[in-house]
Amino acid sequence: MQCLVSGVSSGLGEYLAGHLRADRYDRAAGSAPQARYDAIIHCAFDASREVPAEKETEYTHNTLGITQQLLAVPHARFVFISSCDVYPTSGAAHREDETLSAESLPDRYGKSKLAAEKLVFSQAKNPLILRPTAMLGPAIRKNSLLKILSGEHPKLTLSAKSAFNYVLHDDIAGFIGLCLKNSAGGIFNIASRDNVTLESICTAFGKTAEFGEYRYDTGTIDNAKAAALWPAFARSSLETVRHFIAG
């Protein structure tokens, strides 16, 4: 299967490009190495939460513009890596069939992901949209979890009660491969079965940190649809962190 992957400089895109031996999309040139692909996997996205006025044009290009460029490349399947941030911050469990509105989202990132999803649904061939939680893999940038696990007693802006849900790049790659093989499409929440606090991670691994005041909460993400196809998502987030550490 010939695949094209965007966002290959780090994170999930870098991992998938190597794992699938895929072509890499040059977003600066706006071109693909080949004329047509069995699958395009779109990972590239500007993760900015706030966008100053002078950066508006650049931000729009790095989100919706690149999505539009990739949709124009002939393909049989289109996989878009969205985010669980398309869900509003509420106590309810979020499912894939939930009706979503950009007005209910707190920042630009979630709004832009939701707008890109709509583009993909309207223009892609056989779209598959994944809404992952926090992702762990060999090419991730240094986040609060990595700082804690390093044992350096980091000073964080996040509070000890900040709750995260973690999934592995390897499981996302396996899930994508399964969906492409079985022609599964639509939207899937990609998450472990529960969240874990940074405080609990410190306790579990004997680490310490100086915590801040800001409390982040992933919210409750219903992963039943994806876990039915890929049982590894039935792990807890703490178990997923242990798998990440074990390599």
Protein backbone atom coordinates (compact mmCIF):
# COMPACT_ATOMS: atom_id res chain seq x y z
CA MET A 1 0.00 0.00 0.00
CA GLN A 2 1.43 3.36 -1.04
CA CYS A 3 0.90 6.00 1.67
CA LEU A 4 1.63 9.71 1.99
CA VAL A 5 2.12 11.18 5.48
CA SER A 6 2.17 14.85 6.50
CA GLY A 7 3.72 16.34 9.63
CA VAL A 8 6.78 14.11 9.52
CA SER A 9 9.29 16.31 11.36
CA SER A 10 8.27 14.95 14.78
CA GLY A 11 5.60 13.13 16.74
CA LEU A 12 3.07 10.75 15.23
CA GLY A 13 3.76 11.83 11.65
CA GLU A 14 7.47 11.01 11.95
CA TYR A 15 6.62 7.66 13.53
CA LEU A 16 4.04 6.69 10.90
CA ALA A 17 6.24 7.71 7.98
CA GLY A 18 8.97 5.36 9.20
CA HIS A 19 6.60 2.59 10.29
CA LEU A 20 4.76 2.54 6.95
CA ARG A 21 7.77 3.41 4.79
CA ALA A 22 5.57 6.13 3.42
CA ASP A 23 6.24 9.14 1.23
CA ARG A 24 6.63 12.37 3.15
CA TYR A 25 4.59 15.42 2.25
CA ASP A 26 6.58 18.61 1.75
CA ARG A 27 4.17 21.19 3.06
CA ALA A 28 6.49 24.11 2.23
CA ALA A 29 6.43 23.13 -1.45
CA GLY A 30 2.82 22.01 -1.29
CA SER A 31 3.58 18.95 -3.38
CA ALA A 32 3.45 15.16 -3.15
CA PRO A 33 6.15 12.86 -4.62
CA GLN A 34 3.60 10.78 -6.54
CA ALA A 35 0.40 11.49 -8.43
CA ARG A 36 -1.90 9.17 -6.46
CA TYR A 37 -1.94 7.28 -3.13
CA ASP A 38 -3.76 4.35 -1.61
CA ALA A 39 -3.93 6.36 1.62
CA ILE A 40 -3.06 9.85 2.77
CA ILE A 41 -2.48 10.24 6.51
CA HIS A 42 -2.68 13.89 7.53
CA CYS A 43 -0.87 14.63 10.81
CA ALA A 44 0.49 18.14 10.16
CA PHE A 45 -1.25 20.89 12.11
CA ASP A 46 -0.42 24.13 13.94
CA ALA A 47 -0.97 23.40 17.64
CA SER A 48 -1.17 27.07 18.70
CA ARG A 49 -3.92 27.82 21.19
CA GLU A 50 -3.89 31.57 20.68
CA VAL A 51 -3.05 33.29 17.39
CA PRO A 52 -1.98 36.97 17.19
CA ALA A 53 -3.45 39.00 14.33
CA GLU A 54 -0.17 39.20 12.42
CA LYS A 55 0.06 35.37 12.38
CA GLU A 56 -3.51 34.75 11.22
CA THR A 57 -2.68 34.09 7.55
CA GLU A 58 0.17 31.73 8.42
CA TYR A 59 -1.97 29.87 10.96
CA THR A 60 -4.83 29.41 8.50
CA HIS A 61 -2.40 28.01 5.93
CA ASN A 62 -0.85 25.61 8.46
CA THR A 63 -4.27 24.23 9.42
CA LEU A 64 -7.00 24.44 6.81
CA GLY A 65 -4.72 25.38 3.90
CA ILE A 66 -2.54 22.28 4.13
CA THR A 67 -5.62 20.11 4.70
CA GLN A 68 -7.05 21.50 1.46
CA GLN A 69 -3.77 20.84 -0.39
CA LEU A 70 -3.70 17.22 0.71
CA LEU A 71 -7.36 16.65 -0.15
CA ALA A 72 -6.51 17.70 -3.71
CA VAL A 73 -3.99 14.84 -4.05
CA PRO A 74 -5.76 11.83 -5.64
CA HIS A 75 -6.30 9.10 -3.05
CA ALA A 76 -8.35 6.02 -2.21
CA ARG A 77 -8.45 6.64 1.57
CA PHE A 78 -7.89 9.77 3.67
CA VAL A 79 -6.94 9.53 7.35
CA PHE A 80 -7.11 12.74 9.38
CA ILE A 81 -5.50 12.93 12.81
CA SER A 82 -7.85 15.23 14.68
CA SER A 83 -7.92 15.61 18.48
CA CYS A 84 -10.09 15.00 21.53
CA ASP A 85 -9.93 18.80 21.90
CA VAL A 86 -12.87 19.04 19.50
CA TYR A 87 -15.02 18.14 22.53
CA PRO A 88 -16.18 20.84 24.96
CA THR A 89 -14.98 20.79 28.55
CA SER A 90 -17.88 19.14 30.33
CA GLY A 91 -18.44 16.30 32.74
CA ALA A 92 -20.26 14.14 30.19
CA ALA A 93 -18.59 11.19 28.45
CA HIS A 94 -17.82 12.21 24.88
CA ARG A 95 -18.78 9.86 22.05
CA GLU A 96 -18.10 10.02 18.33
CA ASP A 97 -21.76 10.67 17.46
CA GLU A 98 -21.94 13.79 19.63
CA THR A 99 -23.09 16.94 17.83
CA LEU A 100 -20.27 19.48 18.08
CA SER A 101 -20.16 23.24 17.75
CA ALA A 102 -17.06 25.44 17.48
CA GLU A 103 -18.74 28.04 19.70
CA SER A 104 -18.56 25.65 22.68
CA LEU A 105 -14.80 25.13 22.40
CA PRO A 106 -12.38 27.15 24.56
CA ASP A 107 -9.47 27.71 22.15
CA ARG A 108 -8.44 28.09 18.54
CA TYR A 109 -6.82 24.66 18.26
CA GLY A 110 -10.01 22.70 18.92
CA LYS A 111 -12.03 24.99 16.65
CA SER A 112 -9.54 24.53 13.80
CA LYS A 113 -9.45 20.74 14.18
CA LEU A 114 -13.24 20.66 14.01
CA ALA A 115 -13.23 22.87 10.90
CA ALA A 116 -10.66 20.58 9.27
CA GLU A 117 -12.80 17.54 10.09
CA LYS A 118 -15.69 19.11 8.20
CA LEU A 119 -13.43 19.73 5.19
CA VAL A 120 -12.29 16.13 5.23
CA PHE A 121 -15.82 14.76 5.45
CA SER A 122 -17.00 16.93 2.58
CA GLN A 123 -14.10 16.31 0.18
CA ALA A 124 -12.13 13.15 1.09
CA LYS A 125 -12.53 9.70 -0.43
CA ASN A 126 -13.44 7.14 2.27
CA PRO A 127 -12.44 9.35 5.24
CA LEU A 128 -11.19 7.99 8.57
CA ILE A 129 -11.00 10.57 11.38
CA LEU A 130 -9.15 9.79 14.60
CA ARG A 131 -9.55 11.89 17.75
CA PRO A 132 -6.59 10.90 19.94
CA THR A 133 -5.78 11.95 23.48
CA ALA A 134 -2.15 12.65 24.53
CA MET A 135 0.20 10.55 22.42
CA LEU A 136 3.39 8.80 23.54
CA GLY A 137 6.14 7.57 21.27
CA PRO A 138 9.83 7.84 20.42
CA ALA A 139 9.58 11.15 18.57
CA ILE A 140 7.44 13.23 20.95
CA ARG A 141 8.48 16.62 22.25
CA LYS A 142 9.39 16.95 25.92
CA ASN A 143 6.11 17.33 27.80
CA SER A 144 5.18 17.32 31.49
CA LEU A 145 5.14 13.52 31.63
CA LEU A 146 8.65 13.21 30.19
CA LYS A 147 9.92 15.90 32.53
CA ILE A 148 8.52 13.99 35.51
CA LEU A 149 9.89 10.63 34.35
CA SER A 150 13.34 12.16 33.82
CA GLY A 151 13.70 12.42 37.62
CA GLU A 152 14.86 16.04 37.47
CA HIS A 153 12.16 17.37 39.87
CA PRO A 154 10.80 19.73 37.19
CA LYS A 155 8.96 22.98 37.85
CA LEU A 156 5.63 22.71 36.04
CA THR A 157 2.81 25.14 35.32
CA LEU A 158 0.30 22.28 35.61
CA SER A 159 -1.24 21.26 38.92
CA ALA A 160 -0.80 17.83 40.52
CA LYS A 161 -4.48 17.07 39.83
CA SER A 162 -4.13 17.60 36.07
CA ALA A 163 -5.64 14.53 34.41
CA PHE A 164 -4.35 13.07 31.15
CA ASN A 165 -5.30 10.15 28.95
CA TYR A 166 -2.37 8.52 27.12
CA VAL A 167 -2.15 6.35 23.99
CA LEU A 168 0.87 4.95 22.16
CA HIS A 169 2.03 5.78 18.65
CA ASP A 170 2.47 2.05 18.07
CA ASP A 171 -1.20 1.35 18.86
CA ILE A 172 -2.38 4.21 16.65
CA ALA A 173 -0.28 2.84 13.79
CA GLY A 174 -1.73 -0.63 14.32
CA PHE A 175 -5.25 0.73 14.44
CA ILE A 176 -4.78 2.71 11.22
CA GLY A 177 -3.38 -0.36 9.49
CA LEU A 178 -6.36 -2.42 10.62
CA CYS A 179 -8.86 0.19 9.42
CA LEU A 180 -7.16 0.50 6.04
CA LYS A 181 -7.13 -3.27 5.64
CA ASN A 182 -10.78 -3.68 6.65
CA SER A 183 -12.03 -0.49 4.97
CA ALA A 184 -13.29 0.85 8.31
CA GLY A 185 -14.13 4.54 8.20
CA GLY A 186 -15.86 7.29 10.12
CA ILE A 187 -14.81 8.80 13.44
CA PHE A 188 -13.00 7.02 16.28
CA ASN A 189 -12.00 8.29 19.71
CA ILE A 190 -8.46 7.03 20.29
CA ALA A 191 -7.98 6.79 24.04
CA SER A 192 -7.16 4.48 26.90
CA ARG A 193 -10.00 3.45 29.20
CA ASP A 194 -9.37 6.11 31.87
CA ASN A 195 -7.33 9.17 32.80
CA VAL A 196 -4.41 9.47 35.22
CA THR A 197 -3.28 12.51 37.22
CA LEU A 198 0.28 13.80 37.24
CA GLU A 199 0.25 13.26 41.00
CA SER A 200 -0.57 9.58 40.48
CA ILE A 201 2.24 9.23 37.95
CA CYS A 202 4.71 10.65 40.46
CA THR A 203 3.49 8.18 43.08
CA ALA A 204 3.56 5.21 40.71
CA PHE A 205 7.13 5.83 39.55
CA GLY A 206 8.66 7.36 42.67
CA LYS A 207 9.18 10.78 41.07
CA THR A 208 8.71 14.33 42.30
CA ALA A 209 7.82 17.65 40.72
CA GLU A 210 7.08 21.23 41.70
CA PHE A 211 3.52 21.72 40.50
CA GLY A 212 1.78 24.90 39.38
CA GLU A 213 -1.80 26.12 39.64
CA TYR A 214 -3.30 25.35 36.23
CA ARG A 215 -5.42 22.19 36.22
CA TYR A 216 -5.76 20.46 32.87
CA ASP A 217 -8.44 17.80 32.46
CA THR A 218 -8.78 15.65 29.33
CA GLY A 219 -12.39 14.94 30.21
CA THR A 220 -14.15 11.62 29.81
CA ILE A 221 -13.54 10.11 26.38
CA ASP A 222 -15.63 7.09 25.43
CA ASN A 223 -13.23 4.74 23.62
CA ALA A 224 -15.55 1.71 23.26
CA LYS A 225 -15.79 1.95 19.47
CA ALA A 226 -12.01 1.87 18.90
CA ALA A 227 -11.30 -0.62 21.72
CA ALA A 228 -13.71 -3.09 20.11
CA LEU A 229 -11.38 -3.19 17.09
CA TRP A 230 -8.02 -2.70 18.87
CA PRO A 231 -8.08 -4.24 22.39
CA ALA A 232 -4.89 -2.44 23.49
CA PHE A 233 -7.02 0.68 24.01
CA ALA A 234 -8.71 -1.14 26.90
CA ARG A 235 -5.56 -0.55 28.98
CA SER A 236 -5.57 2.14 31.64
CA SER A 237 -3.54 5.29 31.01
CA LEU A 238 -1.12 4.27 33.77
CA GLU A 239 -0.60 0.89 32.08
CA THR A 240 -0.02 2.72 28.80
CA VAL A 241 2.69 4.85 30.45
CA ARG A 242 4.33 1.67 31.73
CA HIS A 243 4.33 0.24 28.20
CA PHE A 244 5.88 3.48 26.94
CA ILE A 245 8.67 3.31 29.50
CA ALA A 246 9.33 -0.35 28.74
CA GLY A 247 9.80 0.57 25.09
